[in-house]
Amino acid sequence: MSEQPKGSLNPLKAVGTVLSAFSGIRRGKDSRDDLKNLRPVQIILAALLCFALLILGLLTLVRSITSQ
């Protein structure tokens, strides 16, 4: 596979990077490759999006449990 130039827009790659970092299953080689191919802004935006979805999911779960 060909590598993308640094800063190319690949939101799925950024989200995958963040989700694997959240779960703690990153390999060192993959982390280095992501640093070469993704801009920090992409990773930060993906992290904020994943964090917001996590909080929204937890709030929905708590509201559904406590409303019974």
N, C-alpha and C. Protein backbone atom coordinates (compact mmCIF):
# COMPACT_ATOMS: atom_id res chain seq x y z
N MET A 1 0.84 -1.19 0.00
CA MET A 1 0.00 0.00 0.00
C MET A 1 0.88 1.24 0.00
N SER A 2 0.42 2.25 -0.68
CA SER A 2 1.18 3.49 -0.70
C SER A 2 0.81 4.34 0.50
N GLU A 3 1.80 5.03 1.02
CA GLU A 3 1.56 5.90 2.17
C GLU A 3 1.03 7.23 1.69
N GLN A 4 0.15 7.82 2.48
CA GLN A 4 -0.41 9.11 2.15
C GLN A 4 0.53 10.19 2.65
N PRO A 5 0.57 11.32 1.96
CA PRO A 5 1.42 12.41 2.46
C PRO A 5 0.88 12.96 3.76
N LYS A 6 1.79 13.54 4.56
CA LYS A 6 1.39 14.08 5.85
C LYS A 6 0.34 15.16 5.66
N GLY A 7 -0.70 15.08 6.46
CA GLY A 7 -1.75 16.07 6.43
C GLY A 7 -2.87 15.74 5.48
N SER A 8 -2.81 14.60 4.81
CA SER A 8 -3.92 14.25 3.93
C SER A 8 -5.12 13.92 4.80
N LEU A 9 -6.28 14.27 4.31
CA LEU A 9 -7.50 14.12 5.09
C LEU A 9 -7.96 12.67 5.07
N ASN A 10 -7.88 12.01 6.19
CA ASN A 10 -8.35 10.65 6.34
C ASN A 10 -8.99 10.51 7.71
N PRO A 11 -10.26 10.92 7.82
CA PRO A 11 -10.90 10.91 9.14
C PRO A 11 -11.06 9.52 9.74
N LEU A 12 -11.26 8.51 8.90
CA LEU A 12 -11.40 7.17 9.45
C LEU A 12 -10.10 6.68 10.08
N LYS A 13 -8.98 7.03 9.50
CA LYS A 13 -7.68 6.67 10.06
C LYS A 13 -7.48 7.37 11.41
N ALA A 14 -7.89 8.63 11.49
CA ALA A 14 -7.75 9.37 12.74
C ALA A 14 -8.65 8.79 13.82
N VAL A 15 -9.88 8.44 13.47
CA VAL A 15 -10.80 7.85 14.45
C VAL A 15 -10.28 6.48 14.89
N GLY A 16 -9.78 5.69 13.95
CA GLY A 16 -9.21 4.39 14.31
C GLY A 16 -8.03 4.53 15.24
N THR A 17 -7.21 5.53 15.00
CA THR A 17 -6.06 5.79 15.86
C THR A 17 -6.51 6.13 17.27
N VAL A 18 -7.49 6.99 17.38
CA VAL A 18 -7.98 7.42 18.69
C VAL A 18 -8.66 6.26 19.43
N LEU A 19 -9.49 5.49 18.73
CA LEU A 19 -10.18 4.38 19.39
C LEU A 19 -9.20 3.31 19.87
N SER A 20 -8.18 3.04 19.09
CA SER A 20 -7.21 2.05 19.54
C SER A 20 -6.37 2.60 20.70
N ALA A 21 -6.14 3.90 20.72
CA ALA A 21 -5.43 4.50 21.85
C ALA A 21 -6.31 4.48 23.10
N PHE A 22 -7.61 4.73 22.94
CA PHE A 22 -8.54 4.66 24.09
C PHE A 22 -8.52 3.27 24.71
N SER A 23 -8.48 2.25 23.86
CA SER A 23 -8.54 0.89 24.37
C SER A 23 -7.17 0.36 24.78
N GLY A 24 -6.11 1.04 24.38
CA GLY A 24 -4.76 0.66 24.79
C GLY A 24 -4.16 -0.46 23.97
N ILE A 25 -4.55 -0.61 22.72
CA ILE A 25 -4.04 -1.71 21.91
C ILE A 25 -3.16 -1.22 20.76
N ARG A 26 -2.47 -0.11 20.94
CA ARG A 26 -1.61 0.44 19.90
C ARG A 26 -0.26 -0.25 19.89
N ARG A 27 0.24 -0.56 18.71
CA ARG A 27 1.61 -1.05 18.57
C ARG A 27 2.50 0.15 18.33
N GLY A 28 3.74 0.05 18.74
CA GLY A 28 4.68 1.16 18.58
C GLY A 28 4.86 1.57 17.13
N LYS A 29 4.95 0.58 16.24
CA LYS A 29 5.13 0.87 14.82
C LYS A 29 3.93 1.63 14.26
N ASP A 30 2.73 1.21 14.65
CA ASP A 30 1.52 1.88 14.17
C ASP A 30 1.46 3.32 14.68
N SER A 31 1.86 3.54 15.91
CA SER A 31 1.86 4.90 16.47
C SER A 31 2.82 5.80 15.71
N ARG A 32 3.99 5.28 15.40
CA ARG A 32 4.96 6.07 14.63
C ARG A 32 4.45 6.37 13.22
N ASP A 33 3.82 5.38 12.60
CA ASP A 33 3.25 5.60 11.27
C ASP A 33 2.15 6.66 11.29
N ASP A 34 1.33 6.62 12.32
CA ASP A 34 0.26 7.62 12.43
C ASP A 34 0.82 9.02 12.64
N LEU A 35 1.89 9.12 13.41
CA LEU A 35 2.50 10.43 13.60
C LEU A 35 3.05 10.98 12.30
N LYS A 36 3.50 10.10 11.42
CA LYS A 36 4.01 10.54 10.12
C LYS A 36 2.89 10.95 9.17
N ASN A 37 1.74 10.29 9.26
CA ASN A 37 0.70 10.46 8.26
C ASN A 37 -0.46 11.36 8.67
N LEU A 38 -0.64 11.59 9.95
CA LEU A 38 -1.77 12.41 10.41
C LEU A 38 -1.26 13.68 11.07
N ARG A 39 -2.04 14.73 10.90
CA ARG A 39 -1.71 15.98 11.58
C ARG A 39 -2.30 15.95 12.98
N PRO A 40 -1.69 16.66 13.93
CA PRO A 40 -2.22 16.69 15.30
C PRO A 40 -3.66 17.20 15.38
N VAL A 41 -4.01 18.13 14.52
CA VAL A 41 -5.38 18.67 14.53
C VAL A 41 -6.39 17.57 14.22
N GLN A 42 -6.05 16.68 13.28
CA GLN A 42 -6.94 15.58 12.94
C GLN A 42 -7.14 14.65 14.13
N ILE A 43 -6.07 14.37 14.83
CA ILE A 43 -6.15 13.46 15.98
C ILE A 43 -6.94 14.11 17.11
N ILE A 44 -6.71 15.39 17.34
CA ILE A 44 -7.42 16.10 18.41
C ILE A 44 -8.91 16.15 18.12
N LEU A 45 -9.29 16.47 16.89
CA LEU A 45 -10.71 16.52 16.54
C LEU A 45 -11.36 15.14 16.65
N ALA A 46 -10.66 14.11 16.21
CA ALA A 46 -11.20 12.75 16.33
C ALA A 46 -11.35 12.36 17.80
N ALA A 47 -10.38 12.74 18.63
CA ALA A 47 -10.45 12.43 20.06
C ALA A 47 -11.63 13.14 20.72
N LEU A 48 -11.84 14.40 20.37
CA LEU A 48 -12.98 15.13 20.93
C LEU A 48 -14.30 14.52 20.50
N LEU A 49 -14.39 14.11 19.24
CA LEU A 49 -15.60 13.48 18.75
C LEU A 49 -15.86 12.15 19.46
N CYS A 50 -14.84 11.32 19.60
CA CYS A 50 -15.00 10.04 20.29
C CYS A 50 -15.35 10.23 21.76
N PHE A 51 -14.74 11.23 22.38
CA PHE A 51 -15.03 11.51 23.79
C PHE A 51 -16.48 11.97 23.96
N ALA A 52 -16.93 12.84 23.06
CA ALA A 52 -18.32 13.32 23.13
C ALA A 52 -19.30 12.17 22.93
N LEU A 53 -19.01 11.27 22.00
CA LEU A 53 -19.88 10.12 21.78
C LEU A 53 -19.88 9.17 22.97
N LEU A 54 -18.74 9.01 23.61
CA LEU A 54 -18.66 8.18 24.81
C LEU A 54 -19.51 8.77 25.93
N ILE A 55 -19.38 10.06 26.17
CA ILE A 55 -20.17 10.72 27.22
C ILE A 55 -21.66 10.65 26.91
N LEU A 56 -22.02 10.90 25.66
CA LEU A 56 -23.42 10.83 25.25
C LEU A 56 -23.97 9.42 25.45
N GLY A 57 -23.19 8.42 25.10
CA GLY A 57 -23.62 7.04 25.31
C GLY A 57 -23.79 6.70 26.78
N LEU A 58 -22.86 7.16 27.61
CA LEU A 58 -22.98 6.90 29.05
C LEU A 58 -24.19 7.61 29.65
N LEU A 59 -24.42 8.85 29.24
CA LEU A 59 -25.59 9.58 29.74
C LEU A 59 -26.89 8.90 29.32
N THR A 60 -26.94 8.43 28.09
CA THR A 60 -28.12 7.72 27.62
C THR A 60 -28.33 6.43 28.40
N LEU A 61 -27.27 5.70 28.66
CA LEU A 61 -27.36 4.46 29.44
C LEU A 61 -27.85 4.74 30.85
N VAL A 62 -27.28 5.75 31.50
CA VAL A 62 -27.69 6.08 32.87
C VAL A 62 -29.15 6.53 32.92
N ARG A 63 -29.56 7.34 31.97
CA ARG A 63 -30.95 7.82 31.95
C ARG A 63 -31.91 6.67 31.69
N SER A 64 -31.55 5.72 30.86
CA SER A 64 -32.44 4.60 30.59
C SER A 64 -32.52 3.67 31.81
N ILE A 65 -31.44 3.53 32.56
CA ILE A 65 -31.45 2.68 33.74
C ILE A 65 -32.23 3.34 34.88
N THR A 66 -32.00 4.64 35.08
CA THR A 66 -32.65 5.30 36.21
C THR A 66 -34.11 5.66 35.95
N SER A 67 -34.58 5.61 34.73
CA SER A 67 -35.96 5.98 34.45
C SER A 67 -36.90 4.81 34.72
N GLN A 68 -36.38 3.62 34.97
CA GLN A 68 -37.24 2.45 35.18
C GLN A 68 -37.76 2.38 36.56
